[in-house]
Amino acid sequence: MANSNDDQLIKLAEQGALSELKQQIAQGASIEQRDRNLRTPLMAATHANQIEVAKYLIEQGADVNARDAIQDSPYLYAGARGLNEILEMTLSHGADLKSVNRYGGTALIPASERGHVKTVKILIDSGVDVNHINKLGWTALIEAIILGNGSQTYADIVTLLIEGGADVNLADASGNSPLALAKNKGYSNISDILKRAGAK
């Protein structure tokens, strides 16, 4: 019986059914219930970008750092996916800036890789370590170069990371510098930005 109630609350969160969700919580359903993937209602709402539901759950004290089965939290997922409204709510309610995903990366690394310019700015302004190195030996700057497409979006992210204190000479695990990686990809615009920032 508990499992079906837990699943129901999580489904309501995912569907954005705020009034029904409030009713379930008023009747005693826990906002920290888990489904088989260890998702909380807040995690389900975050997955579906259900902003009003996420806002309500966070205001009710839902844990923005609760981990699911693949080690994502509402904070990490919102950052990685560029869900800025939910991200900002998690940041103002105790998001652990040092927390890392299953790849050992902070929220800033996937945000940079996926081209979420505004998200990158939000995370840098929040104080996330711009030089954090993940399990692959990559920083946010390196991911923006090697997994990005060299477009203006990624040039903007590189600029934001540098302005936020990214070490332009911090190499990957194989010893390749950001500048060498950008040159290898043929990204002259990014190479120029790196050189102006003192990259070698």
Protein backbone atom coordinates (compact mmCIF):
# COMPACT_ATOMS: atom_id res chain seq x y z
CA MET A 1 0.00 0.00 0.00
CA ALA A 2 2.79 2.44 0.93
CA ASN A 3 4.49 1.83 -2.39
CA SER A 4 1.44 2.71 -4.42
CA ASN A 5 1.00 5.91 -2.37
CA ASP A 6 4.67 6.77 -2.85
CA ASP A 7 4.42 6.21 -6.57
CA GLN A 8 1.22 8.22 -6.73
CA LEU A 9 2.84 11.27 -5.13
CA ILE A 10 5.80 11.00 -7.47
CA LYS A 11 3.51 10.64 -10.50
CA LEU A 12 1.53 13.70 -9.40
CA ALA A 13 4.76 15.67 -9.08
CA GLU A 14 5.88 14.57 -12.54
CA GLN A 15 2.51 15.49 -14.06
CA GLY A 16 2.44 18.91 -12.39
CA ALA A 17 -0.79 18.07 -10.56
CA LEU A 18 -0.18 20.57 -7.78
CA SER A 19 -3.59 20.61 -6.09
CA GLU A 20 -3.76 16.80 -5.92
CA LEU A 21 -0.17 16.69 -4.67
CA LYS A 22 -0.96 19.21 -1.92
CA GLN A 23 -3.96 17.11 -0.92
CA GLN A 24 -1.84 13.94 -0.67
CA ILE A 25 0.74 15.75 1.47
CA ALA A 26 -2.01 17.19 3.70
CA GLN A 27 -3.20 13.60 4.20
CA GLY A 28 0.25 12.58 5.42
CA ALA A 29 2.22 11.57 2.32
CA SER A 30 5.92 12.27 2.85
CA ILE A 31 7.63 14.75 0.54
CA GLU A 32 10.75 12.57 0.79
CA GLN A 33 9.11 9.33 -0.40
CA ARG A 34 11.09 7.36 -2.99
CA ASP A 35 10.13 5.37 -6.06
CA ARG A 36 12.02 2.32 -7.35
CA ASN A 37 14.62 4.64 -8.93
CA LEU A 38 15.02 6.38 -5.56
CA ARG A 39 13.48 9.55 -6.95
CA THR A 40 11.74 11.89 -4.53
CA PRO A 41 8.70 13.92 -5.63
CA LEU A 42 11.04 16.91 -6.06
CA MET A 43 13.33 14.88 -8.31
CA ALA A 44 10.34 13.77 -10.40
CA ALA A 45 9.13 17.37 -10.67
CA THR A 46 12.63 18.47 -11.68
CA HIS A 47 12.88 15.76 -14.36
CA ALA A 48 9.65 17.09 -15.88
CA ASN A 49 10.55 20.77 -15.27
CA GLN A 50 7.35 21.21 -13.25
CA ILE A 51 8.30 24.58 -11.80
CA GLU A 52 5.25 25.25 -9.60
CA VAL A 53 5.36 21.78 -8.07
CA ALA A 54 9.11 22.09 -7.46
CA LYS A 55 8.57 25.49 -5.85
CA TYR A 56 5.90 24.13 -3.53
CA LEU A 57 7.96 21.08 -2.54
CA ILE A 58 11.08 23.16 -1.89
CA GLU A 59 9.06 25.62 0.20
CA GLN A 60 7.76 22.63 2.18
CA GLY A 61 11.36 21.65 2.94
CA ALA A 62 12.07 19.00 0.28
CA ASP A 63 15.76 18.05 0.16
CA VAL A 64 17.35 19.65 -2.92
CA ASN A 65 20.39 17.38 -2.50
CA ALA A 66 18.53 14.03 -2.23
CA ARG A 67 20.22 11.47 -4.51
CA ASP A 68 18.45 9.07 -6.84
CA ALA A 69 19.70 5.66 -8.00
CA ILE A 70 22.14 7.22 -10.50
CA GLN A 71 23.46 9.78 -8.02
CA ASP A 72 21.61 12.79 -9.43
CA SER A 73 19.96 15.31 -7.12
CA PRO A 74 17.38 17.96 -8.04
CA TYR A 75 20.19 20.55 -7.89
CA LEU A 76 22.62 18.56 -10.06
CA TYR A 77 19.96 17.58 -12.59
CA ALA A 78 18.57 21.12 -12.92
CA GLY A 79 22.10 22.43 -13.45
CA ALA A 80 23.04 19.79 -16.01
CA ARG A 81 19.82 20.27 -17.99
CA GLY A 82 19.66 24.06 -17.89
CA LEU A 83 16.43 24.15 -15.85
CA ASN A 84 17.28 27.57 -14.49
CA GLU A 85 14.15 28.38 -12.49
CA ILE A 86 14.37 25.15 -10.51
CA LEU A 87 18.16 25.50 -10.29
CA GLU A 88 17.87 28.95 -8.71
CA MET A 89 15.32 27.62 -6.21
CA THR A 90 17.68 24.80 -5.20
CA LEU A 91 20.54 27.27 -4.85
CA SER A 92 18.54 29.46 -2.49
CA HIS A 93 17.51 26.42 -0.42
CA GLY A 94 20.80 24.77 0.46
CA ALA A 95 22.13 23.20 -2.74
CA ASP A 96 25.51 21.58 -2.07
CA LEU A 97 27.80 23.31 -4.56
CA LYS A 98 30.52 20.72 -3.97
CA SER A 99 28.26 17.76 -4.74
CA VAL A 100 29.19 15.72 -7.81
CA ASN A 101 27.36 13.45 -10.24
CA ARG A 102 28.21 9.85 -11.05
CA TYR A 103 31.00 11.07 -13.35
CA GLY A 104 32.57 13.04 -10.51
CA GLY A 105 31.53 16.36 -12.04
CA THR A 106 29.91 19.40 -10.46
CA ALA A 107 26.74 20.81 -12.06
CA LEU A 108 28.93 23.30 -13.95
CA ILE A 109 30.67 20.64 -16.05
CA PRO A 110 27.59 19.19 -17.84
CA ALA A 111 26.05 22.67 -18.06
CA SER A 112 29.17 23.82 -19.92
CA GLU A 113 29.26 20.72 -22.13
CA ARG A 114 25.60 21.09 -23.12
CA GLY A 115 25.80 24.78 -24.01
CA HIS A 116 23.61 26.20 -21.23
CA VAL A 117 25.07 29.73 -21.16
CA LYS A 118 22.71 31.22 -18.57
CA THR A 119 23.07 28.16 -16.34
CA VAL A 120 26.86 28.42 -16.48
CA LYS A 121 26.61 32.06 -15.38
CA ILE A 122 24.22 31.21 -12.54
CA LEU A 123 26.51 28.44 -11.28
CA ILE A 124 29.68 30.54 -11.50
CA ASP A 125 27.95 33.41 -9.69
CA SER A 126 26.87 30.92 -7.00
CA GLY A 127 30.47 29.97 -6.32
CA VAL A 128 30.82 26.52 -7.91
CA ASP A 129 34.49 25.58 -8.34
CA VAL A 130 35.28 26.39 -11.99
CA ASN A 131 38.45 24.30 -11.94
CA HIS A 132 36.92 21.10 -10.54
CA ILE A 133 38.20 18.01 -12.38
CA ASN A 134 35.84 15.07 -13.00
CA LYS A 135 36.63 11.34 -13.21
CA LEU A 136 37.61 11.73 -16.88
CA GLY A 137 40.23 14.29 -15.92
CA TRP A 138 38.22 17.14 -17.46
CA THR A 139 37.23 20.58 -16.20
CA ALA A 140 34.18 22.56 -17.34
CA LEU A 141 36.47 24.49 -19.72
CA ILE A 142 37.81 21.31 -21.29
CA GLU A 143 34.32 19.80 -21.68
CA ALA A 144 33.05 22.99 -23.32
CA ILE A 145 35.88 22.68 -25.85
CA ILE A 146 35.95 18.97 -26.62
CA LEU A 147 32.25 18.17 -26.31
CA GLY A 148 30.94 21.49 -27.61
CA ASN A 149 30.69 22.38 -31.30
CA GLY A 150 32.85 25.51 -31.38
CA SER A 151 29.85 27.79 -31.95
CA GLN A 152 29.34 31.25 -30.44
CA THR A 153 27.40 29.59 -27.61
CA TYR A 154 30.50 27.66 -26.57
CA ALA A 155 32.74 30.68 -27.10
CA ASP A 156 30.46 32.55 -24.67
CA ILE A 157 30.74 29.71 -22.16
CA VAL A 158 34.53 29.66 -22.47
CA THR A 159 34.55 33.43 -21.86
CA LEU A 160 32.29 33.09 -18.80
CA LEU A 161 34.46 30.31 -17.37
CA ILE A 162 37.63 32.36 -17.86
CA GLU A 163 36.00 35.43 -16.30
CA GLY A 164 34.93 33.17 -13.43
CA GLY A 165 38.51 32.10 -12.76
CA ALA A 166 39.01 29.03 -14.95
CA ASP A 167 42.69 28.06 -15.28
CA VAL A 168 43.31 28.26 -19.04
CA ASN A 169 46.42 26.09 -18.73
CA LEU A 170 44.92 23.27 -16.66
CA ALA A 171 45.46 20.23 -18.91
CA ASP A 172 43.38 17.07 -19.22
CA ALA A 173 44.49 13.69 -17.86
CA SER A 174 46.56 13.09 -21.01
CA GLY A 175 48.39 16.40 -20.69
CA ASN A 176 46.49 18.24 -23.44
CA SER A 177 45.98 21.92 -22.68
CA PRO A 178 42.67 23.67 -23.42
CA LEU A 179 44.43 25.61 -26.21
CA ALA A 180 45.82 22.42 -27.78
CA LEU A 181 42.37 20.83 -27.63
CA ALA A 182 40.71 23.89 -29.23
CA LYS A 183 43.34 24.00 -32.00
CA ASN A 184 42.94 20.27 -32.61
CA LYS A 185 39.18 20.80 -33.06
CA GLY A 186 39.80 23.75 -35.39
CA TYR A 187 37.96 26.19 -33.12
CA SER A 188 39.90 29.36 -33.95
CA ASN A 189 37.43 31.62 -32.13
CA ILE A 190 37.88 29.68 -28.89
CA SER A 191 41.65 29.43 -29.45
CA ASP A 192 41.80 33.22 -29.73
CA ILE A 193 39.82 33.68 -26.50
CA LEU A 194 42.15 31.28 -24.70
CA LYS A 195 45.30 32.97 -26.05
CA ARG A 196 44.06 36.39 -24.96
CA ALA A 197 43.60 34.92 -21.48
CA GLY A 198 47.20 33.70 -21.39
CA ALA A 199 46.76 30.11 -22.58
CA LYS A 200 49.85 28.31 -23.80
